[in-house]
Structure formats: C-alpha cells, structure tokens
N, C-alpha and C. Protein backbone atom coordinates (compact mmCIF):
# COMPACT_ATOMS: atom_id res chain seq x y z
N MET A 1 1.56 -0.83 21.12
CA MET A 1 2.91 -0.50 21.62
C MET A 1 3.68 0.33 20.68
N PRO A 2 3.71 1.48 19.96
CA PRO A 2 4.46 1.98 18.61
C PRO A 2 5.96 1.81 18.96
N SER A 3 6.68 1.48 17.50
CA SER A 3 7.96 1.20 17.89
C SER A 3 8.44 2.55 17.55
N ILE A 4 10.01 2.68 18.21
CA ILE A 4 10.69 4.02 18.22
C ILE A 4 10.99 4.37 17.04
N SER A 5 11.02 3.47 16.07
CA SER A 5 11.23 3.82 14.57
C SER A 5 10.24 4.17 14.07
N GLU A 6 9.82 5.17 12.90
CA GLU A 6 9.12 5.53 11.92
C GLU A 6 8.94 4.37 10.76
N ILE A 7 10.17 3.83 10.36
CA ILE A 7 10.13 3.03 9.30
C ILE A 7 10.31 1.43 9.86
N PHE A 8 11.52 1.20 10.90
CA PHE A 8 11.45 -0.08 11.21
C PHE A 8 11.00 -0.47 12.59
N GLU A 9 11.20 -1.69 12.60
CA GLU A 9 10.48 -2.36 13.80
C GLU A 9 11.60 -2.82 14.84
N ILE A 10 11.95 -1.95 15.47
CA ILE A 10 13.31 -1.74 16.03
C ILE A 10 12.98 -2.00 18.16
N PRO A 11 13.39 -2.95 18.96
CA PRO A 11 12.94 -2.72 20.11
C PRO A 11 13.29 -1.57 20.82
N LYS A 12 12.78 -1.31 21.94
CA LYS A 12 12.89 -0.39 22.34
C LYS A 12 13.97 -0.02 23.25
N PHE A 13 14.95 1.14 24.19
CA PHE A 13 16.02 1.03 24.68
C PHE A 13 16.11 -0.01 25.33
N TYR A 14 15.11 -0.26 26.43
CA TYR A 14 15.67 -1.19 27.29
C TYR A 14 16.37 -2.57 26.79
N TYR A 15 15.55 -2.89 25.67
CA TYR A 15 16.03 -3.91 25.17
C TYR A 15 17.55 -3.93 25.12
N PHE A 16 17.71 -3.03 24.52
CA PHE A 16 19.55 -2.83 24.02
C PHE A 16 20.30 -2.79 25.33
N ASP A 17 19.25 -2.01 26.52
CA ASP A 17 20.42 -1.44 27.67
C ASP A 17 20.54 -2.77 28.76
N SER A 18 19.63 -4.02 28.05
CA SER A 18 19.96 -5.28 28.82
C SER A 18 21.06 -6.23 27.98
N GLY A 19 21.82 -5.40 27.31
CA GLY A 19 22.49 -5.80 26.69
C GLY A 19 22.76 -6.62 25.37
N ASN A 20 21.47 -6.66 24.72
CA ASN A 20 21.17 -7.67 23.38
C ASN A 20 21.87 -6.80 22.43
N ASP A 21 22.02 -7.35 21.33
CA ASP A 21 22.20 -6.95 20.06
C ASP A 21 21.16 -7.16 18.88
N TYR A 22 21.19 -6.71 17.88
CA TYR A 22 19.76 -6.48 17.02
C TYR A 22 20.24 -6.46 15.52
N SER A 23 19.60 -7.22 14.58
CA SER A 23 19.49 -6.80 13.64
C SER A 23 18.40 -6.71 12.89
N GLY A 24 18.47 -6.00 11.57
CA GLY A 24 16.88 -6.28 10.41
C GLY A 24 17.28 -5.91 9.09
N SER A 25 16.36 -5.78 8.54
CA SER A 25 16.54 -5.16 6.70
C SER A 25 15.39 -4.74 6.36
N MET A 26 14.73 -3.85 5.61
CA MET A 26 13.85 -3.80 4.62
C MET A 26 14.21 -3.31 3.49
N GLY A 27 13.60 -4.32 2.46
CA GLY A 27 14.07 -4.11 0.94
C GLY A 27 15.51 -4.91 1.25
N ASN A 28 16.40 -4.30 0.35
CA ASN A 28 17.53 -4.31 -0.03
C ASN A 28 18.61 -3.87 1.17
N PHE A 29 17.83 -3.41 1.96
CA PHE A 29 18.99 -2.53 3.19
C PHE A 29 18.69 -2.85 4.32
N SER A 30 20.00 -3.13 4.97
CA SER A 30 20.28 -4.24 6.26
C SER A 30 21.23 -3.34 7.09
N TYR A 31 20.73 -3.52 8.51
CA TYR A 31 21.19 -2.80 9.32
C TYR A 31 21.65 -3.84 10.86
N LYS A 32 22.49 -3.20 11.47
CA LYS A 32 23.23 -4.48 13.04
C LYS A 32 23.22 -2.94 13.94
N ILE A 33 23.20 -3.33 15.25
CA ILE A 33 22.92 -2.58 16.24
C ILE A 33 23.62 -3.50 17.06
N ILE A 34 25.00 -3.28 17.58
CA ILE A 34 25.94 -3.95 18.77
C ILE A 34 25.82 -2.93 19.83
N THR A 35 25.27 -3.72 21.16
CA THR A 35 25.44 -3.24 22.30
C THR A 35 26.85 -3.52 23.30
N LYS A 36 28.06 -2.59 23.60
CA LYS A 36 28.68 -2.90 24.26
C LYS A 36 28.82 -1.40 25.42
N ASP A 37 29.74 -0.71 25.48
CA ASP A 37 29.66 0.05 26.34
C ASP A 37 29.03 1.34 25.77
N VAL A 38 29.29 1.70 24.14
CA VAL A 38 28.55 2.19 23.42
C VAL A 38 27.42 1.71 22.68
N PHE A 39 26.37 2.01 21.77
CA PHE A 39 25.69 1.72 20.68
C PHE A 39 26.71 1.60 19.05
N LYS A 40 26.62 0.92 18.43
CA LYS A 40 27.42 0.83 17.54
C LYS A 40 26.53 0.29 16.42
N ALA A 41 26.31 0.92 15.17
CA ALA A 41 25.06 0.78 14.54
C ALA A 41 25.85 0.80 13.10
N MET A 42 25.59 -0.78 12.16
CA MET A 42 26.38 -0.20 10.82
C MET A 42 25.45 -0.65 9.82
N THR A 43 25.81 -0.38 8.69
CA THR A 43 24.36 -0.02 7.81
C THR A 43 25.12 -0.96 6.28
N TRP A 44 24.39 -1.53 5.61
CA TRP A 44 24.84 -1.80 4.00
C TRP A 44 23.93 -2.50 3.18
N HIS A 45 23.72 -2.39 2.00
CA HIS A 45 23.01 -3.10 1.19
C HIS A 45 23.00 -4.22 1.06
N GLY A 46 22.10 -5.14 0.89
CA GLY A 46 22.45 -6.75 0.43
C GLY A 46 21.54 -7.34 1.46
N ARG A 47 21.55 -8.68 1.17
CA ARG A 47 21.26 -9.74 2.11
C ARG A 47 22.21 -10.72 2.95
N LEU A 48 23.37 -10.35 2.42
CA LEU A 48 24.49 -10.92 3.66
C LEU A 48 24.40 -10.61 4.59
N CYS A 49 24.67 -11.39 5.35
CA CYS A 49 24.82 -11.04 6.68
C CYS A 49 25.97 -10.18 7.13
N SER A 50 26.26 -9.20 8.56
CA SER A 50 26.97 -8.42 8.67
C SER A 50 28.36 -8.84 8.61
N MET A 51 28.94 -9.90 9.00
CA MET A 51 30.03 -10.64 8.99
C MET A 51 30.73 -11.07 7.49
N LYS A 52 29.73 -11.04 6.64
CA LYS A 52 30.10 -11.20 5.07
C LYS A 52 30.09 -10.04 4.23
N ALA A 53 29.07 -9.13 4.68
CA ALA A 53 28.86 -7.68 3.67
C ALA A 53 29.80 -6.88 3.74
N GLU A 54 29.79 -5.71 2.89
CA GLU A 54 30.58 -4.95 2.84
C GLU A 54 30.12 -3.75 3.85
N ILE A 55 30.32 -3.26 4.82
CA ILE A 55 29.50 -2.73 5.86
C ILE A 55 29.91 -0.85 5.04
N GLU A 56 28.87 -0.34 4.67
CA GLU A 56 28.91 0.57 3.99
C GLU A 56 28.82 2.49 5.22
N ASN A 57 28.21 2.05 6.04
CA ASN A 57 28.29 3.00 7.08
C ASN A 57 28.31 2.58 8.67
N GLU A 58 29.22 2.83 9.55
CA GLU A 58 29.09 2.27 10.72
C GLU A 58 28.97 3.87 11.66
N HIS A 59 28.94 3.74 13.11
CA HIS A 59 28.91 4.74 13.76
C HIS A 59 28.67 4.32 15.35
N GLU A 60 29.21 5.13 16.30
CA GLU A 60 29.09 4.66 17.42
C GLU A 60 28.08 5.98 18.26
N PHE A 61 27.52 5.67 18.88
CA PHE A 61 26.44 6.37 19.64
C PHE A 61 26.68 6.08 21.54
N GLU A 62 26.28 7.08 22.06
CA GLU A 62 26.17 6.85 23.51
C GLU A 62 25.45 5.88 23.93
N ARG A 63 25.83 5.40 24.69
CA ARG A 63 24.59 4.35 25.24
C ARG A 63 23.73 5.04 26.87
N SER A 64 22.64 5.88 25.98
CA SER A 64 21.74 6.26 26.66
C SER A 64 20.60 6.42 26.12
N GLN A 65 19.75 6.53 26.82
CA GLN A 65 18.15 6.92 25.72
C GLN A 65 18.34 8.09 24.49
N GLN A 66 19.20 9.22 24.77
CA GLN A 66 19.27 10.00 24.01
C GLN A 66 20.24 9.34 22.96
N GLY A 67 21.19 8.95 23.46
CA GLY A 67 22.31 8.24 21.88
C GLY A 67 21.25 6.96 21.34
N PHE A 68 20.19 6.62 21.97
CA PHE A 68 19.66 5.23 20.80
C PHE A 68 18.35 6.09 20.33
N ASP A 69 18.09 7.24 20.81
CA ASP A 69 17.02 8.11 19.83
C ASP A 69 18.15 8.60 18.49
N ASN A 70 19.29 9.21 19.14
CA ASN A 70 19.83 9.53 17.73
C ASN A 70 20.55 8.54 16.90
N MET A 71 20.68 7.33 17.22
CA MET A 71 20.96 5.85 16.49
C MET A 71 19.94 5.85 15.63
N ILE A 72 18.73 6.03 16.02
CA ILE A 72 17.39 5.40 15.36
C ILE A 72 17.55 6.24 14.26
N LYS A 73 17.88 7.80 14.51
CA LYS A 73 17.49 8.67 13.41
C LYS A 73 18.47 8.47 12.51
N TRP A 74 19.77 8.10 12.90
CA TRP A 74 20.99 8.14 12.14
C TRP A 74 20.30 7.03 10.93
N ILE A 75 20.10 5.96 11.39
CA ILE A 75 20.10 4.58 10.43
C ILE A 75 18.57 4.96 9.60
N GLU A 76 17.76 5.64 10.16
CA GLU A 76 16.85 6.03 8.98
C GLU A 76 17.31 6.96 7.93
N GLU A 77 18.08 7.93 8.79
CA GLU A 77 18.79 9.11 7.50
C GLU A 77 19.48 7.95 6.40
N LYS A 78 20.03 6.99 6.91
CA LYS A 78 20.93 6.14 5.77
C LYS A 78 20.04 5.25 5.05
N TYR A 79 18.92 4.71 5.29
CA TYR A 79 17.79 4.10 4.55
C TYR A 79 17.43 5.08 3.68
N SER A 80 16.94 6.53 3.99
CA SER A 80 16.43 7.21 2.83
C SER A 80 17.61 7.94 1.95
N GLU A 81 18.85 7.73 2.19
CA GLU A 81 19.94 8.15 1.26
C GLU A 81 19.94 7.61 0.11
C-alpha cells in the first residue's frame, strides 16, 4: 500500500481522523502533525523534539481528506525549500 507522500512515510488520513498525532524526519528535516479540530503541521531543522526545537514553519489545515492532502503537499514543499 503506497504512502500518501512521495517523500515521507506518513500514515493515511484515517490514522489522523482517529485523533492520533505523528512526527517524523528525513535527514536534518523534522515535522510533526497534531490532530485536533484542525490539522496543525510544524516543521524545523535538527534532531530535537518539537517541544525543544525552534519551529520554523507552522500551518493549520481543515480536518478533512482535502485538508490532509494539502497538508502533505505543504510539508513536502517545506522539505524541498
């Protein structure tokens, strides 16, 4: 089953729709997805956890499949910058 992301191994929408958060990294790039009434995505560089890191980018997305897809694209764009 292919991942929704072409770069990262991020679980599919239903994982997040169940209220789960997720974080990951690739090289020096790290990201975290928080699930509440909306999806909140954060990105930063370095190996520190999100609580100790300097968050470089943060954005909220509608908690829907479309919002999820847009969030994945946004994380990939931040990685590519």
